[in-house]
Amino acid sequence: MDLTIARVLMWQLLIGVVLAAVLWGVFGKVAGYSAALGGLTCVIPNAFLALRLVVPRRDRGAESLLRATWIGEIGKLALTVLIFSLVFSLVRPLSAAALFAGFIATQLMVFSGLLMRSTQEQDTSNGNGG
């Protein structure tokens, strides 16, 4: 798997766990596991999309990559809806605020991937070899 993608997924998982632990300590176990579920609701669909993009395809053309991206994005959206539906219907008690805080904090880690990628590109263009 591409190193940047793996790092982003790792950081997403780490942020979700840390936020869940902090909320568990401050607000109790319901907030903690709700935040953890929110983080997983983000990480699992993102991992699906990442796998769709990096798994080798027979056809290496742009059209094949575009198709994989569309399927990955649709699958990511479907998984997100499915996981949220399962959490809201099966988990009681649930802190919706902590759930969404976990989801949003974890989702914001995607931007770190953009920063990692731009830093790698700058290092490569400056001859530092990234």
C-alpha atoms as a PDB file:
ATOM      1  CA  MET A   1       0.000   0.000   0.000  1.00  0.00           C
ATOM      2  CA  ASP A   2       1.219   3.521  -0.710  1.00  0.00           C
ATOM      3  CA  LEU A   3       3.121   4.813   2.314  1.00  0.00           C
ATOM      4  CA  THR A   4       1.117   8.049   2.523  1.00  0.00           C
ATOM      5  CA  ILE A   5      -2.188   6.153   2.459  1.00  0.00           C
ATOM      6  CA  ALA A   6      -0.999   3.765   5.161  1.00  0.00           C
ATOM      7  CA  ARG A   7       0.182   6.690   7.300  1.00  0.00           C
ATOM      8  CA  VAL A   8      -3.126   8.514   6.960  1.00  0.00           C
ATOM      9  CA  LEU A   9      -5.087   5.405   7.940  1.00  0.00           C
ATOM     10  CA  MET A  10      -2.746   4.823  10.871  1.00  0.00           C
ATOM     11  CA  TRP A  11      -3.094   8.429  12.030  1.00  0.00           C
ATOM     12  CA  GLN A  12      -6.863   8.252  11.639  1.00  0.00           C
ATOM     13  CA  LEU A  13      -6.988   5.163  13.810  1.00  0.00           C
ATOM     14  CA  LEU A  14      -4.634   6.721  16.372  1.00  0.00           C
ATOM     15  CA  ILE A  15      -6.622   9.959  16.580  1.00  0.00           C
ATOM     16  CA  GLY A  16      -9.845   7.975  17.006  1.00  0.00           C
ATOM     17  CA  VAL A  17      -8.352   5.905  19.837  1.00  0.00           C
ATOM     18  CA  VAL A  18      -6.814   8.924  21.596  1.00  0.00           C
ATOM     19  CA  LEU A  19     -10.035  10.945  21.348  1.00  0.00           C
ATOM     20  CA  ALA A  20     -12.053   7.982  22.623  1.00  0.00           C
ATOM     21  CA  ALA A  21      -9.680   7.573  25.573  1.00  0.00           C
ATOM     22  CA  VAL A  22      -9.829  11.276  26.429  1.00  0.00           C
ATOM     23  CA  LEU A  23     -13.627  11.410  26.198  1.00  0.00           C
ATOM     24  CA  TRP A  24     -13.883   8.181  28.221  1.00  0.00           C
ATOM     25  CA  GLY A  25     -11.730   9.750  30.951  1.00  0.00           C
ATOM     26  CA  VAL A  26     -13.550  13.089  30.969  1.00  0.00           C
ATOM     27  CA  PHE A  27     -17.177  12.178  30.203  1.00  0.00           C
ATOM     28  CA  GLY A  28     -17.401   8.451  30.909  1.00  0.00           C
ATOM     29  CA  LYS A  29     -17.585   5.201  29.022  1.00  0.00           C
ATOM     30  CA  VAL A  30     -20.606   6.073  26.830  1.00  0.00           C
ATOM     31  CA  ALA A  31     -18.778   9.079  25.366  1.00  0.00           C
ATOM     32  CA  GLY A  32     -15.623   6.990  25.007  1.00  0.00           C
ATOM     33  CA  TYR A  33     -17.101   4.112  23.063  1.00  0.00           C
ATOM     34  CA  SER A  34     -19.299   6.479  21.065  1.00  0.00           C
ATOM     35  CA  ALA A  35     -16.197   8.390  19.935  1.00  0.00           C
ATOM     36  CA  ALA A  36     -14.447   5.107  19.131  1.00  0.00           C
ATOM     37  CA  LEU A  37     -17.403   4.024  17.004  1.00  0.00           C
ATOM     38  CA  GLY A  38     -17.349   7.401  15.241  1.00  0.00           C
ATOM     39  CA  GLY A  39     -13.668   6.940  14.461  1.00  0.00           C
ATOM     40  CA  LEU A  40     -14.254   3.437  13.109  1.00  0.00           C
ATOM     41  CA  THR A  41     -17.159   4.751  11.046  1.00  0.00           C
ATOM     42  CA  CYS A  42     -14.596   6.902   9.283  1.00  0.00           C
ATOM     43  CA  VAL A  43     -11.582   4.570   9.149  1.00  0.00           C
ATOM     44  CA  ILE A  44     -13.327   1.463   7.771  1.00  0.00           C
ATOM     45  CA  PRO A  45     -14.824   3.168   4.675  1.00  0.00           C
ATOM     46  CA  ASN A  46     -11.564   5.055   4.051  1.00  0.00           C
ATOM     47  CA  ALA A  47      -9.642   1.773   4.187  1.00  0.00           C
ATOM     48  CA  PHE A  48     -12.075   0.330   1.625  1.00  0.00           C
ATOM     49  CA  LEU A  49     -11.458   3.263  -0.716  1.00  0.00           C
ATOM     50  CA  ALA A  50      -7.690   3.024  -0.204  1.00  0.00           C
ATOM     51  CA  LEU A  51      -7.709  -0.670  -1.073  1.00  0.00           C
ATOM     52  CA  ARG A  52      -9.766  -0.022  -4.212  1.00  0.00           C
ATOM     53  CA  LEU A  53      -7.163   2.492  -5.364  1.00  0.00           C
ATOM     54  CA  VAL A  54      -3.979   0.563  -4.622  1.00  0.00           C
ATOM     55  CA  VAL A  55      -4.932  -3.025  -5.503  1.00  0.00           C
ATOM     56  CA  PRO A  56      -3.277  -3.900  -8.816  1.00  0.00           C
ATOM     57  CA  ARG A  57      -5.664  -4.054 -11.782  1.00  0.00           C
ATOM     58  CA  ARG A  58      -5.289  -5.987 -15.022  1.00  0.00           C
ATOM     59  CA  ASP A  59      -5.894  -2.811 -17.011  1.00  0.00           C
ATOM     60  CA  ARG A  60      -3.546  -0.083 -15.782  1.00  0.00           C
ATOM     61  CA  GLY A  61      -5.098   2.674 -17.889  1.00  0.00           C
ATOM     62  CA  ALA A  62      -6.696   5.869 -16.690  1.00  0.00           C
ATOM     63  CA  GLU A  63     -10.197   4.579 -17.403  1.00  0.00           C
ATOM     64  CA  SER A  64      -9.624   1.601 -15.101  1.00  0.00           C
ATOM     65  CA  LEU A  65      -8.315   3.870 -12.340  1.00  0.00           C
ATOM     66  CA  LEU A  66     -11.305   6.182 -12.750  1.00  0.00           C
ATOM     67  CA  ARG A  67     -13.687   3.216 -12.515  1.00  0.00           C
ATOM     68  CA  ALA A  68     -11.911   1.974  -9.367  1.00  0.00           C
ATOM     69  CA  THR A  69     -12.167   5.461  -7.872  1.00  0.00           C
ATOM     70  CA  TRP A  70     -15.900   5.701  -8.555  1.00  0.00           C
ATOM     71  CA  ILE A  71     -16.551   2.245  -7.119  1.00  0.00           C
ATOM     72  CA  GLY A  72     -14.359   3.099  -4.130  1.00  0.00           C
ATOM     73  CA  GLU A  73     -16.155   6.370  -3.437  1.00  0.00           C
ATOM     74  CA  ILE A  74     -19.605   4.821  -3.815  1.00  0.00           C
ATOM     75  CA  GLY A  75     -18.555   1.936  -1.582  1.00  0.00           C
ATOM     76  CA  LYS A  76     -17.102   4.353   0.957  1.00  0.00           C
ATOM     77  CA  LEU A  77     -20.351   6.314   1.071  1.00  0.00           C
ATOM     78  CA  ALA A  78     -22.439   3.136   1.325  1.00  0.00           C
ATOM     79  CA  LEU A  79     -20.259   1.755   4.108  1.00  0.00           C
ATOM     80  CA  THR A  80     -20.437   5.038   6.011  1.00  0.00           C
ATOM     81  CA  VAL A  81     -24.246   5.071   5.802  1.00  0.00           C
ATOM     82  CA  LEU A  82     -24.429   1.386   6.748  1.00  0.00           C
ATOM     83  CA  ILE A  83     -22.139   1.748   9.767  1.00  0.00           C
ATOM     84  CA  PHE A  84     -23.921   4.882  11.021  1.00  0.00           C
ATOM     85  CA  SER A  85     -27.261   3.076  10.591  1.00  0.00           C
ATOM     86  CA  LEU A  86     -26.018   0.069  12.536  1.00  0.00           C
ATOM     87  CA  VAL A  87     -24.561   2.202  15.309  1.00  0.00           C
ATOM     88  CA  PHE A  88     -27.700   4.322  15.694  1.00  0.00           C
ATOM     89  CA  SER A  89     -30.001   1.299  15.640  1.00  0.00           C
ATOM     90  CA  LEU A  90     -27.974  -1.155  17.754  1.00  0.00           C
ATOM     91  CA  VAL A  91     -25.930   0.835  20.275  1.00  0.00           C
ATOM     92  CA  ARG A  92     -27.687   1.974  23.434  1.00  0.00           C
ATOM     93  CA  PRO A  93     -26.850   4.211  25.210  1.00  0.00           C
ATOM     94  CA  LEU A  94     -25.087   6.368  22.661  1.00  0.00           C
ATOM     95  CA  SER A  95     -23.663   9.870  22.750  1.00  0.00           C
ATOM     96  CA  ALA A  96     -24.368  11.337  19.322  1.00  0.00           C
ATOM     97  CA  ALA A  97     -22.085  14.313  20.033  1.00  0.00           C
ATOM     98  CA  ALA A  98     -19.144  12.038  20.853  1.00  0.00           C
ATOM     99  CA  LEU A  99     -19.927   9.796  17.868  1.00  0.00           C
ATOM    100  CA  PHE A 100     -19.809  12.721  15.453  1.00  0.00           C
ATOM    101  CA  ALA A 101     -16.773  14.236  17.222  1.00  0.00           C
ATOM    102  CA  GLY A 102     -14.921  10.951  16.665  1.00  0.00           C
ATOM    103  CA  PHE A 103     -16.019  10.811  13.047  1.00  0.00           C
ATOM    104  CA  ILE A 104     -15.094  14.425  12.287  1.00  0.00           C
ATOM    105  CA  ALA A 105     -11.748  14.372  14.101  1.00  0.00           C
ATOM    106  CA  THR A 106     -10.798  11.176  12.312  1.00  0.00           C
ATOM    107  CA  GLN A 107     -11.970  12.495   8.947  1.00  0.00           C
ATOM    108  CA  LEU A 108      -9.877  15.645   9.374  1.00  0.00           C
ATOM    109  CA  MET A 109      -6.760  13.460   9.341  1.00  0.00           C
ATOM    110  CA  VAL A 110      -7.258  13.087   5.570  1.00  0.00           C
ATOM    111  CA  PHE A 111      -5.896  16.621   5.273  1.00  0.00           C
ATOM    112  CA  SER A 112      -2.685  15.453   6.940  1.00  0.00           C
ATOM    113  CA  GLY A 113      -2.231  13.127   3.962  1.00  0.00           C
ATOM    114  CA  LEU A 114      -2.339  16.095   1.645  1.00  0.00           C
ATOM    115  CA  LEU A 115       0.286  17.829   3.772  1.00  0.00           C
ATOM    116  CA  MET A 116       2.438  14.671   3.837  1.00  0.00           C
ATOM    117  CA  ARG A 117       2.174  14.343   0.069  1.00  0.00           C
ATOM    118  CA  SER A 118       3.078  17.996  -0.574  1.00  0.00           C
ATOM    119  CA  THR A 119       6.036  17.717   1.822  1.00  0.00           C
ATOM    120  CA  GLN A 120       7.258  14.605  -0.013  1.00  0.00           C
ATOM    121  CA  GLU A 121       6.940  16.388  -3.351  1.00  0.00           C
ATOM    122  CA  GLN A 122       8.881  19.395  -2.058  1.00  0.00           C
ATOM    123  CA  ASP A 123      11.642  17.145  -0.702  1.00  0.00           C
ATOM    124  CA  THR A 124      11.847  15.313  -4.025  1.00  0.00           C
ATOM    125  CA  SER A 125      11.932  18.504  -6.108  1.00  0.00           C
ATOM    126  CA  ASN A 126      14.644  19.996  -3.855  1.00  0.00           C
ATOM    127  CA  GLY A 127      16.794  16.935  -4.423  1.00  0.00           C
ATOM    128  CA  ASN A 128      16.469  15.623  -0.871  1.00  0.00           C
ATOM    129  CA  GLY A 129      15.124  12.314  -2.236  1.00  0.00           C
ATOM    130  CA  GLY A 130      12.009  11.542  -0.125  1.00  0.00           C
END
